[in-house]
Protein backbone atom coordinates (compact mmCIF):
# COMPACT_ATOMS: atom_id res chain seq x y z
CA UNK A 1 79.43 59.89 141.97
CA UNK A 2 77.36 57.21 143.49
CA UNK A 3 76.59 55.68 140.05
CA UNK A 4 80.50 55.63 139.17
CA UNK A 5 81.15 53.77 142.58
CA UNK A 6 78.28 51.21 141.90
CA UNK A 7 79.56 50.58 138.48
CA UNK A 8 83.25 50.25 139.60
CA UNK A 9 82.09 47.66 142.46
CA UNK A 10 80.09 45.70 139.99
CA UNK A 11 83.03 45.60 137.51
CA UNK A 12 85.48 44.51 140.32
CA UNK A 13 83.22 41.84 141.36
CA UNK A 14 82.81 40.40 137.99
CA UNK A 15 86.41 40.74 137.47
CA UNK A 16 87.10 38.72 140.57
CA UNK A 17 84.58 35.89 139.35
CA UNK A 18 86.56 35.83 136.02
CA UNK A 19 89.90 35.55 137.92
CA UNK A 20 88.57 32.93 140.27
CA UNK A 21 88.39 30.61 137.41
CA UNK A 22 91.74 28.88 136.70
CA UNK A 23 91.68 29.38 132.83
CA UNK A 24 90.96 33.13 132.93
CA UNK A 25 93.55 33.28 135.67
CA UNK A 26 96.18 31.61 133.65
CA UNK A 27 95.33 33.71 130.57
CA UNK A 28 96.05 37.01 132.63
CA UNK A 29 98.93 35.72 134.96
CA UNK A 30 100.42 32.97 133.22
CA UNK A 31 100.14 30.70 136.21
CA UNK A 32 97.40 28.43 137.70
CA UNK A 33 95.46 29.82 140.79
CA UNK A 34 95.30 27.74 144.01
CA UNK A 35 91.99 26.71 145.57
CA UNK A 36 92.46 28.81 148.74
CA UNK A 37 93.12 32.16 146.44
CA UNK A 38 90.14 31.12 144.20
CA UNK A 39 87.87 30.80 147.35
CA UNK A 40 88.93 34.26 148.68
CA UNK A 41 88.57 36.06 145.30
CA UNK A 42 85.10 34.52 145.01
CA UNK A 43 84.14 36.04 148.57
CA UNK A 44 85.36 39.35 147.80
CA UNK A 45 83.64 39.24 144.51
CA UNK A 46 80.31 38.60 146.30
CA UNK A 47 81.20 41.32 148.53
CA UNK A 48 81.61 43.70 145.89
CA UNK A 49 78.47 42.88 144.09
CA UNK A 50 76.47 43.24 147.07
CA UNK A 51 78.04 46.50 147.98
CA UNK A 52 77.27 47.61 144.29
CA UNK A 53 73.60 46.46 144.77
CA UNK A 54 73.44 48.62 148.20
CA UNK A 55 75.02 51.57 146.62
CA UNK A 56 72.53 51.45 143.59
CA UNK A 57 69.41 50.94 145.93
CA UNK A 58 70.74 53.73 148.08
CA UNK A 59 71.15 56.21 145.30
CA UNK A 60 67.58 55.69 144.12
CA UNK A 61 65.45 52.91 145.70
CA UNK A 62 62.88 52.06 143.20
CA UNK A 63 65.06 52.78 140.12
CA UNK A 64 68.29 51.34 141.66
CA UNK A 65 67.61 47.74 140.84
CA UNK A 66 67.20 48.65 137.28
CA UNK A 67 70.65 50.57 137.29
CA UNK A 68 72.19 47.45 139.03
CA UNK A 69 71.07 45.27 136.30
CA UNK A 70 72.41 47.60 133.76
CA UNK A 71 75.90 47.84 135.45
CA UNK A 72 76.23 44.11 135.77
CA UNK A 73 75.48 43.84 131.98
CA UNK A 74 77.83 46.59 130.93
CA UNK A 75 80.37 45.09 133.33
CA UNK A 76 80.13 41.58 131.91
CA UNK A 77 80.29 43.07 128.29
CA UNK A 78 83.44 45.11 129.09
CA UNK A 79 85.10 42.27 130.76
CA UNK A 80 84.26 39.70 128.06
CA UNK A 81 85.74 41.85 125.51
CA UNK A 82 88.89 42.56 127.45
CA UNK A 83 89.48 38.72 128.30
CA UNK A 84 88.70 37.79 124.63
CA UNK A 85 91.01 40.19 122.90
CA UNK A 86 93.57 41.15 125.47
CA UNK A 87 93.69 39.42 128.64
CA UNK A 88 97.23 40.64 129.76
CA UNK A 89 95.69 44.23 129.93
CA UNK A 90 93.43 42.96 132.64
CA UNK A 91 96.58 42.57 134.87
CA UNK A 92 97.14 46.57 134.93
CA UNK A 93 93.52 47.17 135.35
CA UNK A 94 93.32 45.00 138.47
CA UNK A 95 96.03 47.38 140.07
CA UNK A 96 94.00 50.44 139.24
CA UNK A 97 90.73 49.39 140.09
CA UNK A 98 91.10 49.62 143.92
CA UNK A 99 92.82 53.08 143.50
CA UNK A 100 89.85 54.16 141.41
CA UNK A 101 87.33 52.83 144.24
CA UNK A 102 88.98 54.65 146.82
CA UNK A 103 89.07 57.84 145.08
CA UNK A 104 85.52 57.80 143.96
CA UNK A 105 84.53 56.83 147.60
CA UNK A 106 86.35 59.72 148.92
CA UNK A 107 84.84 62.16 146.25
CA UNK A 108 81.26 60.67 147.24
CA UNK A 109 81.78 61.67 150.95
CA UNK A 110 82.78 65.39 150.04
């Protein structure tokens, strides 16, 4: 479960980085993003990436950095494919990601 949590946090972080850019935000939501919202999304994206690194290191300290790099690569590849071919599908994924993070966190604690 910790590996799934680390991957979801990493994917959420990179999704936030993509949506902080006005061109990607406009492709997903069909409106421009304002500067204040963009800054908030960037801050939360950095928090998610840091949390993903911490969870990866906590799971296996020596091997965790390698896992984190792999999670970053897979996250960016999946996000690039979604944004390239069907950016509107990312809108529904944005609403599902927090629920998945919460469920995974609860299951990890059990």
